[in-house]
Amino acid sequence: MGNFHVVADLTGPTGVTESSVPASVAERLELRPTRIVSIRIAGGPRERWPLASVRLSLGDNEVVTPCLIVPAGAALLGAVALESLLLAVDPLAKRLVPTDGYTMGAPRSVVY
């Protein structure tokens, strides 16, 4: 798999777990699915779609996150990617805002 720098418009709807890209974009990016997963589509039906790992960067933040390869439609930024980037949706201002990460009682002596 090659390295690509892609600037894309991503929609960040609330309620979407995984990020997704249309199959045509996945093909150009040479994404390689690692498995097929069961997904419930808004409105009720279940389908099985390929899932790949993608490197996503936004500003100085970069993460590897799961990404569904969907038959068609818009590229979507899911909750897993948003949380990995420590971002949250501000629904009133319709923008992404920095947020804190949460964990269960990590020891205070750990310093990086």
Protein backbone atom coordinates (compact mmCIF):
# COMPACT_ATOMS: atom_id res chain seq x y z
CA MET A 1 0.00 0.00 0.00
CA GLY A 2 1.39 3.38 -0.98
CA ASN A 3 1.31 6.62 0.94
CA PHE A 4 -1.15 9.24 -0.24
CA HIS A 5 -1.83 12.76 0.88
CA VAL A 6 -5.50 13.44 0.29
CA VAL A 7 -7.42 16.53 1.23
CA ALA A 8 -11.05 15.54 1.61
CA ASP A 9 -14.31 17.01 2.74
CA LEU A 10 -15.65 14.73 5.45
CA THR A 11 -19.08 14.98 6.96
CA GLY A 12 -19.14 14.37 10.72
CA PRO A 13 -22.67 13.26 11.53
CA THR A 14 -23.36 12.26 15.08
CA GLY A 15 -24.39 8.65 15.48
CA VAL A 16 -21.92 7.17 12.97
CA THR A 17 -19.50 4.78 14.68
CA GLU A 18 -16.90 4.13 11.99
CA SER A 19 -15.55 6.49 9.37
CA SER A 20 -16.31 5.52 5.80
CA VAL A 21 -15.25 6.22 2.24
CA PRO A 22 -16.96 5.24 -1.01
CA ALA A 23 -15.49 2.26 -2.86
CA SER A 24 -14.24 4.52 -5.68
CA VAL A 25 -12.13 6.52 -3.20
CA ALA A 26 -10.93 3.36 -1.42
CA GLU A 27 -9.74 2.00 -4.76
CA ARG A 28 -7.77 5.18 -5.55
CA LEU A 29 -6.21 5.07 -2.07
CA GLU A 30 -5.43 1.35 -2.48
CA LEU A 31 -7.15 0.53 0.81
CA ARG A 32 -6.95 -3.14 1.72
CA PRO A 33 -9.87 -4.49 3.77
CA THR A 34 -8.81 -6.52 6.78
CA ARG A 35 -12.25 -8.03 7.40
CA ILE A 36 -15.96 -7.85 6.58
CA VAL A 37 -18.21 -6.47 9.33
CA SER A 38 -21.94 -6.36 9.98
CA ILE A 39 -23.30 -2.81 9.89
CA ARG A 40 -26.79 -1.54 10.69
CA ILE A 41 -27.83 1.11 8.19
CA ALA A 42 -29.84 4.12 9.35
CA GLY A 43 -33.43 3.04 8.89
CA GLY A 44 -32.89 -0.53 10.01
CA PRO A 45 -31.39 -2.96 7.47
CA ARG A 46 -28.15 -4.81 8.15
CA GLU A 47 -25.42 -5.17 5.55
CA ARG A 48 -21.88 -6.54 5.47
CA TRP A 49 -19.17 -4.12 4.37
CA PRO A 50 -15.37 -4.29 4.13
CA LEU A 51 -13.35 -2.58 6.88
CA ALA A 52 -9.81 -1.23 6.37
CA SER A 53 -7.36 0.68 8.55
CA VAL A 54 -6.48 4.21 7.46
CA ARG A 55 -4.04 6.82 8.71
CA LEU A 56 -5.96 10.02 9.33
CA SER A 57 -4.40 13.36 10.15
CA LEU A 58 -6.04 16.59 11.12
CA GLY A 59 -3.70 19.45 11.88
CA ASP A 60 -0.86 18.08 13.98
CA ASN A 61 -2.89 15.06 15.16
CA GLU A 62 -2.54 11.72 13.42
CA VAL A 63 -4.19 8.37 14.17
CA VAL A 64 -4.78 5.00 12.58
CA THR A 65 -8.51 4.27 12.60
CA PRO A 66 -10.97 1.75 11.15
CA CYS A 67 -12.75 2.83 7.98
CA LEU A 68 -15.69 1.20 6.21
CA ILE A 69 -15.61 0.89 2.44
CA VAL A 70 -19.15 1.70 1.35
CA PRO A 71 -20.73 1.14 -2.08
CA ALA A 72 -21.44 4.86 -2.64
CA GLY A 73 -22.16 8.10 -0.81
CA ALA A 74 -20.23 10.72 1.10
CA ALA A 75 -17.06 10.18 3.10
CA LEU A 76 -18.03 10.22 6.79
CA LEU A 77 -15.94 10.92 9.88
CA GLY A 78 -17.06 8.52 12.61
CA ALA A 79 -17.03 8.65 16.40
CA VAL A 80 -14.04 6.28 16.70
CA ALA A 81 -11.85 8.63 14.63
CA LEU A 82 -13.14 11.74 16.41
CA GLU A 83 -12.45 10.27 19.84
CA SER A 84 -9.01 9.07 18.74
CA LEU A 85 -8.20 12.62 17.60
CA LEU A 86 -9.57 13.96 20.93
CA LEU A 87 -12.24 15.96 19.13
CA ALA A 88 -15.95 16.43 19.84
CA VAL A 89 -18.83 17.82 17.81
CA ASP A 90 -20.16 21.23 18.85
CA PRO A 91 -23.70 20.93 17.44
CA LEU A 92 -24.58 24.59 17.98
CA ALA A 93 -21.53 26.01 16.21
CA LYS A 94 -21.45 23.04 13.77
CA ARG A 95 -17.74 22.48 14.20
CA LEU A 96 -15.22 20.16 15.82
CA VAL A 97 -13.68 21.22 19.13
CA PRO A 98 -10.80 19.79 21.17
CA THR A 99 -11.79 17.62 24.10
CA ASP A 100 -10.10 15.67 26.87
CA GLY A 101 -9.54 11.94 26.70
CA TYR A 102 -10.87 9.78 29.53
CA THR A 103 -9.49 6.71 31.25
CA MET A 104 -10.07 4.66 34.38
CA GLY A 105 -7.67 5.85 37.09
CA ALA A 106 -4.23 5.71 35.49
CA PRO A 107 -1.43 6.09 38.05
CA ARG A 108 -0.28 9.68 38.53
CA SER A 109 3.38 8.61 38.51
CA VAL A 110 3.38 7.98 34.74
CA VAL A 111 5.07 10.85 32.95
CA TYR A 112 5.84 10.99 29.22
